[in-house]
Amino acid sequence: MKPRQSAEYLQLSHATLAKWRSVGGGPSYSKLGSRVYYSQSDLDAFLKARKLNHTASRAPTDE
């Protein structure tokens, strides 16, 4: 998926994904030349890793 499609899938802004590509903490991505692509399986894995069971749970940090 292209970054804008991926951002929509994750319900995030395109800018958030761009920032994460630069500083880390986001889902894995691939580059073909200058183009960035995300696989749906990587996006799903990213969401699964951040899943919480209750409000006292701590989400993984983006650092």
PDB file of N, CA and C in Angstrom:
ATOM      1  N   MET A   1       0.842  -1.174   0.000  1.00  0.00           N
ATOM      2  CA  MET A   1       0.000   0.000   0.000  1.00  0.00           C
ATOM      3  C   MET A   1       0.891   1.242   0.000  1.00  0.00           C
ATOM      4  N   LYS A   2       0.391   2.278  -0.632  1.00  0.00           N
ATOM      5  CA  LYS A   2       1.092   3.554  -0.596  1.00  0.00           C
ATOM      6  C   LYS A   2       0.885   4.204   0.778  1.00  0.00           C
ATOM      7  N   PRO A   3       1.754   5.159   1.143  1.00  0.00           N
ATOM      8  CA  PRO A   3       1.647   5.775   2.476  1.00  0.00           C
ATOM      9  C   PRO A   3       0.279   6.378   2.792  1.00  0.00           C
ATOM     10  N   ARG A   4      -0.346   7.056   1.859  1.00  0.00           N
ATOM     11  CA  ARG A   4      -1.661   7.652   2.158  1.00  0.00           C
ATOM     12  C   ARG A   4      -2.711   6.580   2.429  1.00  0.00           C
ATOM     13  N   GLN A   5      -2.684   5.496   1.655  1.00  0.00           N
ATOM     14  CA  GLN A   5      -3.613   4.388   1.896  1.00  0.00           C
ATOM     15  C   GLN A   5      -3.334   3.742   3.245  1.00  0.00           C
ATOM     16  N   SER A   6      -2.057   3.604   3.564  1.00  0.00           N
ATOM     17  CA  SER A   6      -1.657   2.990   4.833  1.00  0.00           C
ATOM     18  C   SER A   6      -2.092   3.848   6.009  1.00  0.00           C
ATOM     19  N   ALA A   7      -1.924   5.150   5.890  1.00  0.00           N
ATOM     20  CA  ALA A   7      -2.349   6.061   6.955  1.00  0.00           C
ATOM     21  C   ALA A   7      -3.856   5.959   7.173  1.00  0.00           C
ATOM     22  N   GLU A   8      -4.594   5.893   6.093  1.00  0.00           N
ATOM     23  CA  GLU A   8      -6.050   5.750   6.207  1.00  0.00           C
ATOM     24  C   GLU A   8      -6.403   4.428   6.884  1.00  0.00           C
ATOM     25  N   TYR A   9      -5.722   3.359   6.506  1.00  0.00           N
ATOM     26  CA  TYR A   9      -5.954   2.035   7.086  1.00  0.00           C
ATOM     27  C   TYR A   9      -5.718   2.065   8.599  1.00  0.00           C
ATOM     28  N   LEU A  10      -4.665   2.776   9.029  1.00  0.00           N
ATOM     29  CA  LEU A  10      -4.322   2.861  10.443  1.00  0.00           C
ATOM     30  C   LEU A  10      -5.070   3.976  11.178  1.00  0.00           C
ATOM     31  N   GLN A  11      -5.828   4.761  10.422  1.00  0.00           N
ATOM     32  CA  GLN A  11      -6.545   5.918  10.958  1.00  0.00           C
ATOM     33  C   GLN A  11      -5.584   6.915  11.591  1.00  0.00           C
ATOM     34  N   LEU A  12      -4.507   7.184  10.863  1.00  0.00           N
ATOM     35  CA  LEU A  12      -3.487   8.150  11.251  1.00  0.00           C
ATOM     36  C   LEU A  12      -3.318   9.148  10.127  1.00  0.00           C
ATOM     37  N   SER A  13      -2.615  10.218  10.399  1.00  0.00           N
ATOM     38  CA  SER A  13      -2.322  11.163   9.330  1.00  0.00           C
ATOM     39  C   SER A  13      -1.123  10.682   8.520  1.00  0.00           C
ATOM     40  N   HIS A  14      -1.089  11.108   7.283  1.00  0.00           N
ATOM     41  CA  HIS A  14       0.043  10.807   6.407  1.00  0.00           C
ATOM     42  C   HIS A  14       1.329  11.353   7.028  1.00  0.00           C
ATOM     43  N   ALA A  15       1.228  12.520   7.667  1.00  0.00           N
ATOM     44  CA  ALA A  15       2.394  13.149   8.295  1.00  0.00           C
ATOM     45  C   ALA A  15       2.950  12.299   9.442  1.00  0.00           C
ATOM     46  N   THR A  16       2.075  11.630  10.177  1.00  0.00           N
ATOM     47  CA  THR A  16       2.535  10.770  11.275  1.00  0.00           C
ATOM     48  C   THR A  16       3.384   9.635  10.735  1.00  0.00           C
ATOM     49  N   LEU A  17       2.926   8.990   9.674  1.00  0.00           N
ATOM     50  CA  LEU A  17       3.729   7.906   9.086  1.00  0.00           C
ATOM     51  C   LEU A  17       5.060   8.435   8.565  1.00  0.00           C
ATOM     52  N   ALA A  18       5.048   9.602   7.946  1.00  0.00           N
ATOM     53  CA  ALA A  18       6.282  10.192   7.440  1.00  0.00           C
ATOM     54  C   ALA A  18       7.254  10.466   8.584  1.00  0.00           C
ATOM     55  N   LYS A  19       6.738  10.982   9.688  1.00  0.00           N
ATOM     56  CA  LYS A  19       7.594  11.254  10.849  1.00  0.00           C
ATOM     57  C   LYS A  19       8.167   9.954  11.393  1.00  0.00           C
ATOM     58  N   TRP A  20       7.335   8.940  11.524  1.00  0.00           N
ATOM     59  CA  TRP A  20       7.822   7.660  12.025  1.00  0.00           C
ATOM     60  C   TRP A  20       8.880   7.062  11.113  1.00  0.00           C
ATOM     61  N   ARG A  21       8.764   7.245   9.799  1.00  0.00           N
ATOM     62  CA  ARG A  21       9.805   6.744   8.894  1.00  0.00           C
ATOM     63  C   ARG A  21      11.134   7.441   9.171  1.00  0.00           C
ATOM     64  N   SER A  22      11.059   8.686   9.566  1.00  0.00           N
ATOM     65  CA  SER A  22      12.269   9.463   9.802  1.00  0.00           C
ATOM     66  C   SER A  22      12.884   9.200  11.178  1.00  0.00           C
ATOM     67  N   VAL A  23      12.050   9.090  12.205  1.00  0.00           N
ATOM     68  CA  VAL A  23      12.567   8.948  13.573  1.00  0.00           C
ATOM     69  C   VAL A  23      12.430   7.531  14.139  1.00  0.00           C
ATOM     70  N   GLY A  24      11.679   6.675  13.470  1.00  0.00           N
ATOM     71  CA  GLY A  24      11.468   5.311  13.961  1.00  0.00           C
ATOM     72  C   GLY A  24      10.193   5.205  14.778  1.00  0.00           C
ATOM     73  N   GLY A  25       9.823   3.984  15.100  1.00  0.00           N
ATOM     74  CA  GLY A  25       8.661   3.742  15.942  1.00  0.00           C
ATOM     75  C   GLY A  25       7.412   3.337  15.202  1.00  0.00           C
ATOM     76  N   GLY A  26       7.413   3.410  13.897  1.00  0.00           N
ATOM     77  CA  GLY A  26       6.233   3.062  13.118  1.00  0.00           C
ATOM     78  C   GLY A  26       6.327   1.674  12.534  1.00  0.00           C
ATOM     79  N   PRO A  27       5.379   1.343  11.681  1.00  0.00           N
ATOM     80  CA  PRO A  27       5.390   0.023  11.040  1.00  0.00           C
ATOM     81  C   PRO A  27       6.534  -0.107  10.039  1.00  0.00           C
ATOM     82  N   SER A  28       6.929  -1.337   9.772  1.00  0.00           N
ATOM     83  CA  SER A  28       7.955  -1.612   8.768  1.00  0.00           C
ATOM     84  C   SER A  28       7.460  -1.177   7.399  1.00  0.00           C
ATOM     85  N   TYR A  29       8.381  -0.786   6.553  1.00  0.00           N
ATOM     86  CA  TYR A  29       8.029  -0.367   5.192  1.00  0.00           C
ATOM     87  C   TYR A  29       9.128  -0.765   4.236  1.00  0.00           C
ATOM     88  N   SER A  30       8.828  -0.707   2.967  1.00  0.00           N
ATOM     89  CA  SER A  30       9.794  -1.024   1.910  1.00  0.00           C
ATOM     90  C   SER A  30       9.943   0.175   1.003  1.00  0.00           C
ATOM     91  N   LYS A  31      11.107   0.283   0.393  1.00  0.00           N
ATOM     92  CA  LYS A  31      11.329   1.349  -0.588  1.00  0.00           C
ATOM     93  C   LYS A  31      11.728   0.714  -1.911  1.00  0.00           C
ATOM     94  N   LEU A  32      11.110   1.184  -2.960  1.00  0.00           N
ATOM     95  CA  LEU A  32      11.476   0.804  -4.320  1.00  0.00           C
ATOM     96  C   LEU A  32      11.862   2.104  -5.011  1.00  0.00           C
ATOM     97  N   GLY A  33      13.160   2.336  -5.148  1.00  0.00           N
ATOM     98  CA  GLY A  33      13.611   3.631  -5.621  1.00  0.00           C
ATOM     99  C   GLY A  33      13.282   4.650  -4.549  1.00  0.00           C
ATOM    100  N   SER A  34      12.555   5.682  -4.920  1.00  0.00           N
ATOM    101  CA  SER A  34      12.170   6.703  -3.936  1.00  0.00           C
ATOM    102  C   SER A  34      10.757   6.477  -3.396  1.00  0.00           C
ATOM    103  N   ARG A  35      10.094   5.432  -3.867  1.00  0.00           N
ATOM    104  CA  ARG A  35       8.708   5.179  -3.442  1.00  0.00           C
ATOM    105  C   ARG A  35       8.656   4.295  -2.210  1.00  0.00           C
ATOM    106  N   VAL A  36       7.745   4.640  -1.312  1.00  0.00           N
ATOM    107  CA  VAL A  36       7.564   3.924  -0.046  1.00  0.00           C
ATOM    108  C   VAL A  36       6.289   3.095  -0.132  1.00  0.00           C
ATOM    109  N   TYR A  37       6.369   1.864   0.372  1.00  0.00           N
ATOM    110  CA  TYR A  37       5.218   0.970   0.389  1.00  0.00           C
ATOM    111  C   TYR A  37       5.151   0.253   1.731  1.00  0.00           C
ATOM    112  N   TYR A  38       3.922   0.000   2.175  1.00  0.00           N
ATOM    113  CA  TYR A  38       3.668  -0.773   3.388  1.00  0.00           C
ATOM    114  C   TYR A  38       2.879  -2.015   2.992  1.00  0.00           C
ATOM    115  N   SER A  39       3.221  -3.153   3.583  1.00  0.00           N
ATOM    116  CA  SER A  39       2.405  -4.348   3.349  1.00  0.00           C
ATOM    117  C   SER A  39       1.305  -4.381   4.406  1.00  0.00           C
ATOM    118  N   GLN A  40       0.161  -4.899   4.031  1.00  0.00           N
ATOM    119  CA  GLN A  40      -0.946  -4.975   4.976  1.00  0.00           C
ATOM    120  C   GLN A  40      -0.571  -5.863   6.152  1.00  0.00           C
ATOM    121  N   SER A  41       0.196  -6.913   5.906  1.00  0.00           N
ATOM    122  CA  SER A  41       0.587  -7.796   7.009  1.00  0.00           C
ATOM    123  C   SER A  41       1.485  -7.057   8.007  1.00  0.00           C
ATOM    124  N   ASP A  42       2.354  -6.153   7.539  1.00  0.00           N
ATOM    125  CA  ASP A  42       3.183  -5.362   8.450  1.00  0.00           C
ATOM    126  C   ASP A  42       2.335  -4.358   9.237  1.00  0.00           C
ATOM    127  N   LEU A  43       1.343  -3.774   8.583  1.00  0.00           N
ATOM    128  CA  LEU A  43       0.449  -2.853   9.280  1.00  0.00           C
ATOM    129  C   LEU A  43      -0.356  -3.587  10.347  1.00  0.00           C
ATOM    130  N   ASP A  44      -0.840  -4.786   9.999  1.00  0.00           N
ATOM    131  CA  ASP A  44      -1.600  -5.582  10.970  1.00  0.00           C
ATOM    132  C   ASP A  44      -0.719  -5.996  12.145  1.00  0.00           C
ATOM    133  N   ALA A  45       0.543  -6.363  11.871  1.00  0.00           N
ATOM    134  CA  ALA A  45       1.471  -6.741  12.940  1.00  0.00           C
ATOM    135  C   ALA A  45       1.749  -5.547  13.853  1.00  0.00           C
ATOM    136  N   PHE A  46       1.873  -4.369  13.264  1.00  0.00           N
ATOM    137  CA  PHE A  46       2.088  -3.148  14.038  1.00  0.00           C
ATOM    138  C   PHE A  46       0.905  -2.904  14.971  1.00  0.00           C
ATOM    139  N   LEU A  47      -0.313  -3.043  14.455  1.00  0.00           N
ATOM    140  CA  LEU A  47      -1.504  -2.857  15.284  1.00  0.00           C
ATOM    141  C   LEU A  47      -1.585  -3.918  16.385  1.00  0.00           C
ATOM    142  N   LYS A  48      -1.288  -5.151  16.042  1.00  0.00           N
ATOM    143  CA  LYS A  48      -1.363  -6.242  17.013  1.00  0.00           C
ATOM    144  C   LYS A  48      -0.365  -6.022  18.152  1.00  0.00           C
ATOM    145  N   ALA A  49       0.829  -5.530  17.823  1.00  0.00           N
ATOM    146  CA  ALA A  49       1.861  -5.296  18.839  1.00  0.00           C
ATOM    147  C   ALA A  49       1.462  -4.178  19.806  1.00  0.00           C
ATOM    148  N   ARG A  50       0.561  -3.312  19.391  1.00  0.00           N
ATOM    149  CA  ARG A  50       0.148  -2.179  20.210  1.00  0.00           C
ATOM    150  C   ARG A  50      -1.193  -2.425  20.905  1.00  0.00           C
ATOM    151  N   LYS A  51      -1.713  -3.631  20.796  1.00  0.00           N
ATOM    152  CA  LYS A  51      -3.010  -3.964  21.388  1.00  0.00           C
ATOM    153  C   LYS A  51      -2.904  -4.016  22.911  1.00  0.00           C
ATOM    154  N   LEU A  52      -3.894  -3.418  23.576  1.00  0.00           N
ATOM    155  CA  LEU A  52      -3.949  -3.397  25.040  1.00  0.00           C
ATOM    156  C   LEU A  52      -5.177  -4.150  25.521  1.00  0.00           C
ATOM    157  N   ASN A  53      -5.072  -4.740  26.709  1.00  0.00           N
ATOM    158  CA  ASN A  53      -6.192  -5.490  27.279  1.00  0.00           C
ATOM    159  C   ASN A  53      -7.013  -4.667  28.256  1.00  0.00           C
ATOM    160  N   HIS A  54      -6.410  -3.642  28.843  1.00  0.00           N
ATOM    161  CA  HIS A  54      -7.121  -2.778  29.784  1.00  0.00           C
ATOM    162  C   HIS A  54      -6.376  -1.460  29.890  1.00  0.00           C
ATOM    163  N   THR A  55      -6.988  -0.501  30.530  1.00  0.00           N
ATOM    164  CA  THR A  55      -6.422   0.861  30.574  1.00  0.00           C
ATOM    165  C   THR A  55      -5.137   0.938  31.395  1.00  0.00           C
ATOM    166  N   ALA A  56      -4.899  -0.002  32.279  1.00  0.00           N
ATOM    167  CA  ALA A  56      -3.659   0.020  33.063  1.00  0.00           C
ATOM    168  C   ALA A  56      -2.476  -0.530  32.266  1.00  0.00           C
ATOM    169  N   SER A  57      -2.745  -1.145  31.120  1.00  0.00           N
ATOM    170  CA  SER A  57      -1.665  -1.655  30.278  1.00  0.00           C
ATOM    171  C   SER A  57      -0.877  -0.486  29.708  1.00  0.00           C
ATOM    172  N   ARG A  58       0.370  -0.714  29.434  1.00  0.00           N
ATOM    173  CA  ARG A  58       1.200   0.330  28.837  1.00  0.00           C
ATOM    174  C   ARG A  58       1.446  -0.036  27.391  1.00  0.00           C
ATOM    175  N   ALA A  59       1.183   0.912  26.515  1.00  0.00           N
ATOM    176  CA  ALA A  59       1.467   0.724  25.095  1.00  0.00           C
ATOM    177  C   ALA A  59       2.964   0.794  24.879  1.00  0.00           C
ATOM    178  N   PRO A  60       3.478   0.080  23.868  1.00  0.00           N
ATOM    179  CA  PRO A  60       4.901   0.181  23.551  1.00  0.00           C
ATOM    180  C   PRO A  60       5.235   1.635  23.194  1.00  0.00           C
ATOM    181  N   THR A  61       6.411   2.063  23.589  1.00  0.00           N
ATOM    182  CA  THR A  61       6.822   3.439  23.252  1.00  0.00           C
ATOM    183  C   THR A  61       7.322   3.492  21.827  1.00  0.00           C
ATOM    184  N   ASP A  62       7.325   4.679  21.258  1.00  0.00           N
ATOM    185  CA  ASP A  62       7.792   4.868  19.888  1.00  0.00           C
ATOM    186  C   ASP A  62       9.266   5.231  19.852  1.00  0.00           C
ATOM    187  N   GLU A  63       9.986   5.015  20.927  1.00  0.00           N
ATOM    188  CA  GLU A  63      11.394   5.377  20.988  1.00  0.00           C
ATOM    189  C   GLU A  63      12.260   4.241  20.581  1.00  0.00           C
TER     190      GLU A  63
END
